[in-house]
């Protein structure tokens, strides 16, 4: 594959990812608007929390579907020297 073909494939891939991102973002905004209108008693924090939990679940399912080890992707790359600051940043 030549450099020109690589650039062309990269441009097509970038356009595809950007289009998918835009469509998913628009869909997310419409669903969020619907939820805010329909669930009057629910706070913004509650809806944001539920959305975060669902997104984390989707990431875990995506890793499992691709055959990746969750521990191998999320835990093993962290060495002991950065573990303590990482925990402090998380809280």
Protein backbone atom coordinates (compact mmCIF):
# COMPACT_ATOMS: atom_id res chain seq x y z
CA UNK A 1 0.00 0.00 0.00
CA UNK A 2 1.39 3.36 -0.98
CA UNK A 3 1.41 6.44 1.24
CA UNK A 4 -1.31 8.05 -0.88
CA UNK A 5 -3.62 5.06 -0.44
CA UNK A 6 -2.95 5.08 3.30
CA UNK A 7 -3.90 8.77 3.52
CA UNK A 8 -7.06 8.17 1.50
CA UNK A 9 -8.10 5.24 3.71
CA UNK A 10 -7.32 7.29 6.79
CA UNK A 11 -9.49 10.15 5.52
CA UNK A 12 -12.40 7.79 4.82
CA UNK A 13 -12.03 6.20 8.23
CA UNK A 14 -11.91 9.60 9.92
CA UNK A 15 -15.00 10.77 8.06
CA UNK A 16 -16.85 7.59 8.99
CA UNK A 17 -15.95 7.91 12.67
CA UNK A 18 -16.87 11.59 12.74
CA UNK A 19 -20.22 10.89 11.09
CA UNK A 20 -20.97 8.10 13.56
CA UNK A 21 -19.95 10.38 16.44
CA UNK A 22 -22.23 13.16 15.20
CA UNK A 23 -25.21 10.83 14.77
CA UNK A 24 -24.72 9.27 18.20
CA UNK A 25 -24.33 12.67 19.83
CA UNK A 26 -27.50 13.96 18.18
CA UNK A 27 -29.39 10.83 19.22
CA UNK A 28 -28.12 11.20 22.76
CA UNK A 29 -29.30 14.82 22.86
CA UNK A 30 -32.78 13.89 21.61
CA UNK A 31 -33.13 11.08 24.16
CA UNK A 32 -31.89 13.38 26.91
CA UNK A 33 -34.41 16.05 25.90
CA UNK A 34 -37.21 13.47 25.94
CA UNK A 35 -36.17 12.18 29.36
CA UNK A 36 -36.03 15.67 30.86
CA UNK A 37 -39.53 16.45 29.54
CA UNK A 38 -41.12 13.15 30.58
CA UNK A 39 -39.54 12.67 34.01
CA UNK A 40 -40.33 15.91 35.81
CA UNK A 41 -39.49 14.65 39.32
CA UNK A 42 -36.04 13.31 38.41
CA UNK A 43 -33.02 15.56 38.90
CA UNK A 44 -30.25 16.21 36.40
CA UNK A 45 -27.75 14.43 38.63
CA UNK A 46 -29.85 11.25 38.66
CA UNK A 47 -30.15 11.15 34.87
CA UNK A 48 -26.43 11.87 34.43
CA UNK A 49 -25.56 9.11 36.91
CA UNK A 50 -27.77 6.58 35.12
CA UNK A 51 -26.24 7.58 31.76
CA UNK A 52 -22.74 7.10 33.19
CA UNK A 53 -23.60 3.64 34.51
CA UNK A 54 -25.09 2.61 31.15
CA UNK A 55 -22.03 3.89 29.27
CA UNK A 56 -19.69 1.98 31.59
CA UNK A 57 -21.76 -1.15 31.06
CA UNK A 58 -21.57 -0.71 27.29
CA UNK A 59 -17.78 -0.34 27.44
CA UNK A 60 -17.49 -3.55 29.47
CA UNK A 61 -19.78 -5.38 27.04
CA UNK A 62 -17.74 -4.08 24.10
CA UNK A 63 -14.50 -5.34 25.67
CA UNK A 64 -16.06 -8.72 26.39
CA UNK A 65 -17.50 -8.99 22.87
CA UNK A 66 -14.07 -8.36 21.33
CA UNK A 67 -12.54 -11.04 23.53
CA UNK A 68 -10.37 -8.69 25.56
CA UNK A 69 -9.63 -9.23 29.20
CA UNK A 70 -11.03 -6.35 31.23
CA UNK A 71 -8.26 -6.72 33.79
CA UNK A 72 -5.68 -6.82 31.02
CA UNK A 73 -6.95 -3.56 29.54
CA UNK A 74 -7.80 -1.56 32.66
CA UNK A 75 -5.63 -2.83 35.53
CA UNK A 76 -2.43 -4.39 34.18
CA UNK A 77 -1.06 -1.26 32.43
CA UNK A 78 -1.06 0.65 35.77
CA UNK A 79 2.26 0.25 37.57
CA UNK A 80 2.72 0.51 41.33
CA UNK A 81 4.26 3.98 41.27
CA UNK A 82 1.20 5.58 39.65
CA UNK A 83 -1.43 3.55 41.50
CA UNK A 84 -1.64 5.74 44.62
CA UNK A 85 -1.92 9.08 42.73
CA UNK A 86 -4.49 7.49 40.41
CA UNK A 87 -6.66 6.46 43.36
CA UNK A 88 -6.38 9.96 44.84
CA UNK A 89 -7.40 11.53 41.51
CA UNK A 90 -10.39 9.22 41.26
CA UNK A 91 -11.77 10.54 44.52
